[in-house]
């Protein structure tokens, strides 16, 4: 029987250009043992004793070299089944605004990145939980940003 685990964070970095939200997607390197060559948002493990938001900040910095301008803890949780470990994963979802002119400096875990509007981002993201998270970011931000 699969266990229920909550030891990962899902982070949706974004920037605003010309009044439009652009989502940062990262492509995993070909030699990664888990999920090689897939497009994803920033994800990572929560270390023992670490708060989820602190894990999100750390993972963003490790994977992109960027410190976000602001953070939003979304009121939704990503849930999915992860077959390699036979676990049902429950992950808090965070959004973070990155400086508009900043470009990521990728870790060895990723080989490419793209800034994309929601529609294009969702077309590349293979995991429903990542697409749902990106949509939740857009929905949350729709009331906070000037009309687009």
Protein backbone atom coordinates (compact mmCIF):
# COMPACT_ATOMS: atom_id res chain seq x y z
CA UNK A 1 0.00 0.00 0.00
CA UNK A 2 1.47 3.40 -0.94
CA UNK A 3 2.24 5.82 1.86
CA UNK A 4 1.26 9.49 1.91
CA UNK A 5 4.29 11.76 2.02
CA UNK A 6 4.76 15.52 2.20
CA UNK A 7 8.46 16.16 1.78
CA UNK A 8 8.64 18.10 -1.49
CA UNK A 9 7.92 21.68 -2.55
CA UNK A 10 6.68 22.92 -5.91
CA UNK A 11 7.86 26.42 -6.85
CA UNK A 12 6.49 28.50 -9.73
CA UNK A 13 8.91 31.31 -10.57
CA UNK A 14 7.44 34.07 -12.73
CA UNK A 15 8.19 37.53 -14.04
CA UNK A 16 5.98 40.20 -15.54
CA UNK A 17 6.91 41.64 -18.93
CA UNK A 18 4.67 44.10 -20.76
CA UNK A 19 1.91 43.37 -18.25
CA UNK A 20 2.04 39.64 -19.05
CA UNK A 21 3.05 36.83 -16.72
CA UNK A 22 5.89 34.63 -17.94
CA UNK A 23 6.52 31.31 -16.18
CA UNK A 24 10.04 29.95 -15.81
CA UNK A 25 10.35 26.31 -16.87
CA UNK A 26 13.47 24.19 -16.50
CA UNK A 27 14.39 21.15 -18.58
CA UNK A 28 16.00 18.35 -16.61
CA UNK A 29 19.37 17.16 -17.86
CA UNK A 30 19.55 14.00 -19.96
CA UNK A 31 21.71 12.22 -17.40
CA UNK A 32 19.38 12.79 -14.43
CA UNK A 33 18.33 9.41 -12.96
CA UNK A 34 14.74 10.52 -12.25
CA UNK A 35 12.67 12.09 -15.03
CA UNK A 36 15.45 12.98 -17.49
CA UNK A 37 14.67 15.46 -20.29
CA UNK A 38 11.33 16.64 -18.92
CA UNK A 39 10.21 20.24 -18.53
CA UNK A 40 9.29 21.18 -14.99
CA UNK A 41 8.94 23.97 -12.49
CA UNK A 42 11.37 24.23 -9.58
CA UNK A 43 10.90 21.28 -7.26
CA UNK A 44 12.85 19.78 -4.45
CA UNK A 45 12.95 18.07 -1.10
CA UNK A 46 12.26 19.54 2.29
CA UNK A 47 15.17 18.82 4.62
CA UNK A 48 14.65 17.59 8.18
CA UNK A 49 13.59 20.49 10.40
CA UNK A 50 13.19 22.85 7.43
CA UNK A 51 10.01 24.85 6.85
CA UNK A 52 8.39 24.48 3.43
CA UNK A 53 8.95 28.14 2.47
CA UNK A 54 12.61 27.87 3.43
CA UNK A 55 12.95 24.76 1.25
CA UNK A 56 11.30 26.65 -1.61
CA UNK A 57 13.76 29.56 -1.26
CA UNK A 58 16.72 27.18 -1.08
CA UNK A 59 15.61 25.13 -4.09
CA UNK A 60 15.06 28.26 -6.19
CA UNK A 61 18.54 29.50 -5.36
CA UNK A 62 20.15 26.07 -5.94
CA UNK A 63 18.40 25.46 -9.27
CA UNK A 64 18.47 28.99 -10.75
CA UNK A 65 20.94 31.09 -8.76
CA UNK A 66 18.19 33.68 -8.20
CA UNK A 67 16.76 35.24 -5.05
CA UNK A 68 13.08 36.09 -5.58
CA UNK A 69 11.64 39.59 -5.06
CA UNK A 70 8.51 38.25 -3.37
CA UNK A 71 6.85 34.97 -2.40
CA UNK A 72 3.26 33.73 -2.35
CA UNK A 73 2.13 30.58 -0.58
CA UNK A 74 -0.80 29.39 -2.69
CA UNK A 75 -3.83 28.00 -0.85
CA UNK A 76 -3.68 24.74 -2.80
CA UNK A 77 -1.59 21.59 -2.51
CA UNK A 78 -0.19 19.51 -5.36
CA UNK A 79 -1.05 15.86 -5.04
CA UNK A 80 0.20 13.06 -7.26
CA UNK A 81 1.30 9.45 -7.23
CA UNK A 82 5.05 8.87 -7.64
CA UNK A 83 5.58 5.34 -8.96
CA UNK A 84 9.37 5.04 -8.37
CA UNK A 85 8.85 5.25 -4.59
CA UNK A 86 5.22 4.00 -4.51
CA UNK A 87 4.12 7.13 -2.64
CA UNK A 88 1.27 9.59 -2.82
CA UNK A 89 2.93 12.99 -2.66
CA UNK A 90 1.37 16.11 -1.15
CA UNK A 91 3.39 19.25 -1.92
CA UNK A 92 2.82 22.86 -0.92
CA UNK A 93 2.83 25.19 -3.93
CA UNK A 94 4.65 28.51 -3.92
CA UNK A 95 4.89 31.27 -6.50
CA UNK A 96 7.75 33.73 -6.56
CA UNK A 97 8.30 36.86 -8.57
CA UNK A 98 11.76 37.12 -10.07
CA UNK A 99 13.49 40.32 -11.14
CA UNK A 100 12.36 41.13 -14.69
CA UNK A 101 15.86 41.33 -16.19
CA UNK A 102 17.33 38.36 -14.30
CA UNK A 103 18.18 35.20 -16.21
CA UNK A 104 18.77 31.90 -14.38
CA UNK A 105 22.15 30.30 -13.87
CA UNK A 106 21.17 26.64 -14.00
CA UNK A 107 22.48 23.88 -11.77
CA UNK A 108 23.79 20.65 -13.30
CA UNK A 109 20.32 19.17 -12.75
CA UNK A 110 18.94 21.22 -15.67
CA UNK A 111 20.18 21.93 -19.17
CA UNK A 112 17.73 24.50 -20.54
CA UNK A 113 15.20 27.07 -19.44
CA UNK A 114 12.37 29.00 -21.04
CA UNK A 115 10.17 31.93 -20.05
CA UNK A 116 6.66 31.19 -21.33
CA UNK A 117 3.09 32.43 -21.09
CA UNK A 118 0.67 30.05 -19.36
CA UNK A 119 -0.65 28.36 -22.49
CA UNK A 120 2.82 27.51 -23.80
CA UNK A 121 4.06 26.48 -20.36
CA UNK A 122 1.15 24.08 -19.90
CA UNK A 123 1.85 22.58 -23.34
CA UNK A 124 5.39 21.64 -22.24
CA UNK A 125 4.73 20.52 -18.66
CA UNK A 126 4.06 16.76 -18.62
CA UNK A 127 2.76 16.57 -15.05
CA UNK A 128 -0.82 17.61 -14.27
CA UNK A 129 0.24 18.92 -10.84
CA UNK A 130 2.69 21.36 -12.49
CA UNK A 131 0.05 22.56 -14.98
CA UNK A 132 -2.51 22.93 -12.19
CA UNK A 133 0.04 24.88 -10.13
CA UNK A 134 0.78 27.24 -13.04
CA UNK A 135 -2.96 27.84 -13.51
CA UNK A 136 -3.34 28.51 -9.76
CA UNK A 137 -0.55 31.10 -9.97
CA UNK A 138 -2.30 32.88 -12.83
CA UNK A 139 -5.64 32.80 -11.02
CA UNK A 140 -4.09 34.17 -7.84
CA UNK A 141 -2.20 36.92 -9.66
CA UNK A 142 -5.15 37.98 -11.83
CA UNK A 143 -6.49 40.16 -9.03
CA UNK A 144 -3.10 41.55 -8.03
CA UNK A 145 -1.60 42.70 -11.33
CA UNK A 146 -2.88 45.59 -13.45
CA UNK A 147 -5.40 44.44 -16.08
CA UNK A 148 -3.72 42.70 -18.94
